[in-house]
Amino acid sequence: MHPTFQPGDRLLIARPRLLRPLTPEPERVRPGDVVAFYDPRQPPGSPSRRLVLKRVRETHGGALDVRGDNPSESTDSRHFGAVRAADVAGIVVYRYYPAERVAWWPGSAEKGGPPG
């Protein structure tokens, strides 16, 4: 499977609480969401700590099993374990660059984006 995002893609990431303010569980991240979180292999507070994008495969209470779209090339929960839901910086909702690939992310209408 090819990676969903390419180098140079520019994405809008929305915080979970802003996506579902009218639902009983506004912080909930769902399977299938693409989430951004700080790389768990880097020490907290590191000035060079980077955000990682992965798709949520399963949720286990406050933990997420995340996987890359290209399993043979991806470093994900199989390598660093589950990601705490509290460590999620946001959910991908929109790709705004490059122009030929501009799109609301699938499912973003139910998360507050415009209807498809």
N, C-alpha and C. Protein backbone atom coordinates (compact mmCIF):
# COMPACT_ATOMS: atom_id res chain seq x y z
N MET A 1 0.85 -1.18 0.00
CA MET A 1 0.00 0.00 0.00
C MET A 1 0.89 1.24 0.00
N HIS A 2 0.50 2.27 -0.74
CA HIS A 2 1.27 3.50 -0.81
C HIS A 2 0.98 4.39 0.39
N PRO A 3 1.95 5.19 0.82
CA PRO A 3 1.69 6.12 1.92
C PRO A 3 0.56 7.08 1.55
N THR A 4 -0.26 7.42 2.53
CA THR A 4 -1.38 8.34 2.32
C THR A 4 -0.89 9.75 2.06
N PHE A 5 0.15 10.15 2.79
CA PHE A 5 0.68 11.50 2.66
C PHE A 5 2.07 11.44 2.04
N GLN A 6 2.41 12.49 1.30
CA GLN A 6 3.69 12.58 0.63
C GLN A 6 4.51 13.70 1.26
N PRO A 7 5.85 13.62 1.15
CA PRO A 7 6.67 14.74 1.61
C PRO A 7 6.22 16.02 0.91
N GLY A 8 6.09 17.08 1.67
CA GLY A 8 5.64 18.35 1.12
C GLY A 8 4.16 18.60 1.27
N ASP A 9 3.37 17.57 1.60
CA ASP A 9 1.94 17.80 1.85
C ASP A 9 1.80 18.74 3.04
N ARG A 10 0.83 19.65 2.95
CA ARG A 10 0.52 20.55 4.05
C ARG A 10 -0.87 20.20 4.55
N LEU A 11 -0.98 19.97 5.86
CA LEU A 11 -2.21 19.44 6.44
C LEU A 11 -2.74 20.34 7.54
N LEU A 12 -4.06 20.37 7.66
CA LEU A 12 -4.71 21.02 8.78
C LEU A 12 -5.00 19.94 9.81
N ILE A 13 -4.48 20.16 11.00
CA ILE A 13 -4.67 19.21 12.10
C ILE A 13 -5.55 19.90 13.14
N ALA A 14 -6.66 19.29 13.50
CA ALA A 14 -7.57 19.87 14.50
C ALA A 14 -7.48 19.08 15.79
N ARG A 15 -7.52 19.78 16.89
CA ARG A 15 -7.50 19.10 18.19
C ARG A 15 -8.80 18.35 18.40
N PRO A 16 -8.74 17.15 18.98
CA PRO A 16 -9.96 16.34 19.14
C PRO A 16 -11.10 17.07 19.83
N ARG A 17 -10.83 17.86 20.87
CA ARG A 17 -11.91 18.53 21.60
C ARG A 17 -12.63 19.55 20.72
N LEU A 18 -11.94 20.10 19.71
CA LEU A 18 -12.57 21.08 18.83
C LEU A 18 -13.39 20.42 17.73
N LEU A 19 -13.15 19.14 17.49
CA LEU A 19 -13.85 18.45 16.41
C LEU A 19 -15.25 17.99 16.80
N ARG A 20 -15.40 17.58 18.02
CA ARG A 20 -16.67 16.98 18.44
C ARG A 20 -17.21 17.66 19.70
N PRO A 21 -17.39 19.01 19.66
CA PRO A 21 -17.81 19.70 20.87
C PRO A 21 -19.23 19.39 21.31
N LEU A 22 -20.06 18.85 20.43
CA LEU A 22 -21.46 18.61 20.78
C LEU A 22 -21.75 17.15 21.08
N THR A 23 -20.72 16.33 21.12
CA THR A 23 -20.94 14.91 21.39
C THR A 23 -20.68 14.62 22.86
N PRO A 24 -21.22 13.53 23.38
CA PRO A 24 -21.00 13.19 24.79
C PRO A 24 -19.53 12.91 25.11
N GLU A 25 -18.75 12.47 24.10
CA GLU A 25 -17.33 12.15 24.31
C GLU A 25 -16.49 13.00 23.36
N PRO A 26 -16.31 14.30 23.65
CA PRO A 26 -15.63 15.18 22.70
C PRO A 26 -14.17 14.85 22.47
N GLU A 27 -13.52 14.13 23.39
CA GLU A 27 -12.10 13.82 23.25
C GLU A 27 -11.86 12.53 22.48
N ARG A 28 -12.90 11.84 22.09
CA ARG A 28 -12.77 10.51 21.51
C ARG A 28 -12.14 10.53 20.12
N VAL A 29 -11.12 9.72 19.95
CA VAL A 29 -10.50 9.49 18.65
C VAL A 29 -11.00 8.13 18.18
N ARG A 30 -11.34 8.03 16.91
CA ARG A 30 -11.96 6.80 16.40
C ARG A 30 -11.03 6.01 15.48
N PRO A 31 -11.24 4.69 15.41
CA PRO A 31 -10.48 3.90 14.42
C PRO A 31 -10.70 4.48 13.03
N GLY A 32 -9.61 4.54 12.26
CA GLY A 32 -9.66 5.11 10.92
C GLY A 32 -9.18 6.56 10.88
N ASP A 33 -9.25 7.27 12.02
CA ASP A 33 -8.71 8.64 12.06
C ASP A 33 -7.21 8.60 11.84
N VAL A 34 -6.69 9.61 11.17
CA VAL A 34 -5.24 9.79 11.07
C VAL A 34 -4.89 10.84 12.12
N VAL A 35 -4.04 10.45 13.07
CA VAL A 35 -3.71 11.33 14.18
C VAL A 35 -2.26 11.78 14.13
N ALA A 36 -2.02 12.95 14.71
CA ALA A 36 -0.67 13.48 14.87
C ALA A 36 -0.32 13.40 16.35
N PHE A 37 0.85 12.86 16.65
CA PHE A 37 1.32 12.77 18.03
C PHE A 37 2.83 12.89 18.02
N TYR A 38 3.39 13.28 19.18
CA TYR A 38 4.84 13.40 19.25
C TYR A 38 5.48 12.02 19.24
N ASP A 39 6.58 11.91 18.53
CA ASP A 39 7.30 10.65 18.38
C ASP A 39 7.66 10.09 19.76
N PRO A 40 7.09 8.94 20.14
CA PRO A 40 7.35 8.39 21.48
C PRO A 40 8.78 7.88 21.66
N ARG A 41 9.53 7.77 20.58
CA ARG A 41 10.91 7.31 20.68
C ARG A 41 11.86 8.44 21.07
N GLN A 42 11.37 9.66 21.05
CA GLN A 42 12.18 10.81 21.42
C GLN A 42 11.81 11.27 22.83
N PRO A 43 12.78 11.77 23.59
CA PRO A 43 12.49 12.17 24.97
C PRO A 43 11.54 13.37 25.04
N PRO A 44 10.60 13.36 25.99
CA PRO A 44 9.69 14.51 26.17
C PRO A 44 10.50 15.78 26.42
N GLY A 45 10.03 16.86 25.84
CA GLY A 45 10.70 18.14 26.03
C GLY A 45 11.88 18.37 25.11
N SER A 46 12.22 17.40 24.30
CA SER A 46 13.33 17.54 23.35
C SER A 46 12.99 18.63 22.33
N PRO A 47 13.90 19.58 22.08
CA PRO A 47 13.60 20.66 21.13
C PRO A 47 13.43 20.16 19.69
N SER A 48 13.95 18.99 19.38
CA SER A 48 13.82 18.47 18.02
C SER A 48 12.73 17.40 17.91
N ARG A 49 11.89 17.28 18.92
CA ARG A 49 10.84 16.26 18.90
C ARG A 49 9.87 16.53 17.75
N ARG A 50 9.60 15.52 16.96
CA ARG A 50 8.77 15.70 15.78
C ARG A 50 7.39 15.07 15.95
N LEU A 51 6.45 15.59 15.17
CA LEU A 51 5.12 15.00 15.12
C LEU A 51 5.11 13.86 14.12
N VAL A 52 4.38 12.82 14.45
CA VAL A 52 4.25 11.63 13.60
C VAL A 52 2.79 11.50 13.24
N LEU A 53 2.51 11.09 12.00
CA LEU A 53 1.14 10.83 11.55
C LEU A 53 0.95 9.34 11.37
N LYS A 54 -0.10 8.81 11.98
CA LYS A 54 -0.43 7.39 11.83
C LYS A 54 -1.94 7.23 11.89
N ARG A 55 -2.42 6.14 11.32
CA ARG A 55 -3.85 5.83 11.33
C ARG A 55 -4.18 5.01 12.58
N VAL A 56 -5.29 5.35 13.23
CA VAL A 56 -5.73 4.60 14.41
C VAL A 56 -6.34 3.29 13.95
N ARG A 57 -5.79 2.21 14.46
CA ARG A 57 -6.30 0.88 14.11
C ARG A 57 -7.34 0.44 15.13
N GLU A 58 -7.01 0.60 16.42
CA GLU A 58 -7.92 0.21 17.49
C GLU A 58 -7.75 1.19 18.65
N THR A 59 -8.81 1.29 19.45
CA THR A 59 -8.72 2.06 20.69
C THR A 59 -8.93 1.12 21.86
N HIS A 60 -8.18 1.35 22.91
CA HIS A 60 -8.27 0.53 24.12
C HIS A 60 -8.36 1.49 25.30
N GLY A 61 -9.57 1.98 25.57
CA GLY A 61 -9.71 2.96 26.64
C GLY A 61 -8.93 4.21 26.29
N GLY A 62 -7.90 4.51 27.08
CA GLY A 62 -7.10 5.70 26.84
C GLY A 62 -5.88 5.47 26.00
N ALA A 63 -5.79 4.33 25.30
CA ALA A 63 -4.62 4.02 24.48
C ALA A 63 -5.05 3.73 23.04
N LEU A 64 -4.17 4.07 22.11
CA LEU A 64 -4.46 3.87 20.69
C LEU A 64 -3.42 2.96 20.07
N ASP A 65 -3.88 2.00 19.29
CA ASP A 65 -2.99 1.18 18.47
C ASP A 65 -2.94 1.88 17.12
N VAL A 66 -1.77 2.39 16.74
CA VAL A 66 -1.64 3.13 15.49
C VAL A 66 -0.78 2.35 14.51
N ARG A 67 -1.09 2.48 13.23
CA ARG A 67 -0.35 1.79 12.18
C ARG A 67 -0.11 2.74 11.02
N GLY A 68 1.00 2.52 10.36
CA GLY A 68 1.29 3.24 9.13
C GLY A 68 0.56 2.58 7.98
N ASP A 69 0.34 3.33 6.91
CA ASP A 69 -0.36 2.79 5.74
C ASP A 69 0.53 1.88 4.90
N ASN A 70 1.83 1.90 5.15
CA ASN A 70 2.76 1.07 4.41
C ASN A 70 3.49 0.18 5.43
N PRO A 71 2.88 -0.94 5.85
CA PRO A 71 3.40 -1.74 6.96
C PRO A 71 4.86 -2.16 6.85
N SER A 72 5.33 -2.47 5.65
CA SER A 72 6.71 -2.93 5.53
C SER A 72 7.72 -1.81 5.75
N GLU A 73 7.30 -0.57 5.64
CA GLU A 73 8.20 0.57 5.79
C GLU A 73 7.89 1.42 7.02
N SER A 74 6.86 1.06 7.77
CA SER A 74 6.37 1.93 8.84
C SER A 74 6.89 1.52 10.22
N THR A 75 7.17 2.54 11.03
CA THR A 75 7.44 2.34 12.45
C THR A 75 6.18 2.81 13.17
N ASP A 76 5.56 1.92 13.91
CA ASP A 76 4.27 2.24 14.52
C ASP A 76 4.10 1.49 15.84
N SER A 77 2.88 1.26 16.29
CA SER A 77 2.64 0.61 17.58
C SER A 77 3.26 -0.77 17.69
N ARG A 78 3.53 -1.40 16.58
CA ARG A 78 4.22 -2.70 16.63
C ARG A 78 5.63 -2.54 17.16
N HIS A 79 6.19 -1.33 17.05
CA HIS A 79 7.56 -1.07 17.48
C HIS A 79 7.63 -0.30 18.80
N PHE A 80 6.76 0.71 18.99
CA PHE A 80 6.86 1.54 20.18
C PHE A 80 5.68 1.41 21.12
N GLY A 81 4.76 0.51 20.83
CA GLY A 81 3.62 0.27 21.73
C GLY A 81 2.49 1.25 21.48
N ALA A 82 1.47 1.14 22.31
CA ALA A 82 0.28 1.98 22.18
C ALA A 82 0.61 3.44 22.50
N VAL A 83 -0.13 4.33 21.88
CA VAL A 83 0.00 5.77 22.12
C VAL A 83 -1.14 6.19 23.03
N ARG A 84 -0.82 6.96 24.05
CA ARG A 84 -1.87 7.46 24.95
C ARG A 84 -2.74 8.46 24.18
N ALA A 85 -4.05 8.33 24.31
CA ALA A 85 -4.96 9.25 23.64
C ALA A 85 -4.68 10.69 24.07
N ALA A 86 -4.26 10.88 25.30
CA ALA A 86 -3.94 12.23 25.80
C ALA A 86 -2.75 12.84 25.08
N ASP A 87 -1.91 12.01 24.44
CA ASP A 87 -0.73 12.51 23.73
C ASP A 87 -1.01 12.89 22.28
N VAL A 88 -2.25 12.71 21.84
CA VAL A 88 -2.60 13.06 20.46
C VAL A 88 -2.72 14.57 20.36
N ALA A 89 -1.92 15.16 19.45
CA ALA A 89 -1.95 16.61 19.23
C ALA A 89 -3.15 17.00 18.37
N GLY A 90 -3.59 16.10 17.49
CA GLY A 90 -4.72 16.42 16.64
C GLY A 90 -5.02 15.34 15.63
N ILE A 91 -6.08 15.57 14.87
CA ILE A 91 -6.55 14.65 13.85
C ILE A 91 -6.51 15.37 12.50
N VAL A 92 -6.02 14.70 11.48
CA VAL A 92 -5.94 15.30 10.14
C VAL A 92 -7.36 15.50 9.61
N VAL A 93 -7.68 16.73 9.18
CA VAL A 93 -9.00 17.01 8.62
C VAL A 93 -8.95 17.57 7.20
N TYR A 94 -7.77 18.10 6.77
CA TYR A 94 -7.73 18.77 5.46
C TYR A 94 -6.30 18.80 4.93
N ARG A 95 -6.15 18.52 3.64
CA ARG A 95 -4.86 18.70 2.96
C ARG A 95 -5.03 19.95 2.09
N TYR A 96 -4.23 21.00 2.36
CA TYR A 96 -4.37 22.25 1.62
C TYR A 96 -3.25 22.51 0.61
N TYR A 97 -2.26 21.62 0.54
CA TYR A 97 -1.18 21.76 -0.43
C TYR A 97 -0.57 20.40 -0.65
N PRO A 98 -0.24 20.05 -1.88
CA PRO A 98 -0.25 20.81 -3.12
C PRO A 98 -1.66 20.98 -3.70
N ALA A 99 -1.81 21.99 -4.53
CA ALA A 99 -3.12 22.38 -5.05
C ALA A 99 -3.86 21.23 -5.73
N GLU A 100 -3.15 20.39 -6.45
CA GLU A 100 -3.83 19.30 -7.18
C GLU A 100 -4.31 18.19 -6.26
N ARG A 101 -3.93 18.23 -4.99
CA ARG A 101 -4.37 17.19 -4.05
C ARG A 101 -5.15 17.76 -2.88
N VAL A 102 -5.64 19.00 -3.00
CA VAL A 102 -6.42 19.63 -1.93
C VAL A 102 -7.67 18.79 -1.68
N ALA A 103 -7.94 18.49 -0.42
CA ALA A 103 -9.13 17.68 -0.10
C ALA A 103 -9.41 17.70 1.39
N TRP A 104 -10.70 17.67 1.71
CA TRP A 104 -11.09 17.40 3.10
C TRP A 104 -10.82 15.93 3.33
N TRP A 105 -10.34 15.62 4.50
CA TRP A 105 -10.01 14.24 4.78
C TRP A 105 -11.27 13.43 4.94
N PRO A 106 -11.31 12.19 4.48
CA PRO A 106 -12.52 11.35 4.60
C PRO A 106 -13.03 11.33 6.03
N GLY A 107 -14.32 11.53 6.16
CA GLY A 107 -14.95 11.52 7.48
C GLY A 107 -14.91 12.86 8.17
N SER A 108 -14.26 13.88 7.58
CA SER A 108 -14.14 15.15 8.28
C SER A 108 -15.48 15.88 8.38
N ALA A 109 -16.44 15.56 7.52
CA ALA A 109 -17.75 16.21 7.63
C ALA A 109 -18.40 15.88 8.97
N GLU A 110 -18.27 14.63 9.41
CA GLU A 110 -18.84 14.26 10.71
C GLU A 110 -18.01 14.82 11.86
N LYS A 111 -16.80 15.32 11.55
CA LYS A 111 -15.93 15.89 12.56
C LYS A 111 -15.92 17.41 12.51
N GLY A 112 -16.86 18.00 11.78
CA GLY A 112 -16.93 19.45 11.75
C GLY A 112 -16.51 20.07 10.44
N GLY A 113 -16.03 19.27 9.48
CA GLY A 113 -15.66 19.81 8.17
C GLY A 113 -16.91 19.94 7.30
N PRO A 114 -16.76 20.53 6.11
CA PRO A 114 -17.93 20.67 5.25
C PRO A 114 -18.40 19.32 4.73
N PRO A 115 -19.68 19.19 4.48
CA PRO A 115 -20.19 17.92 3.97
C PRO A 115 -19.62 17.63 2.59
N GLY A 116 -19.40 16.33 2.33
CA GLY A 116 -18.81 15.94 1.06
C GLY A 116 -19.85 15.86 0.04
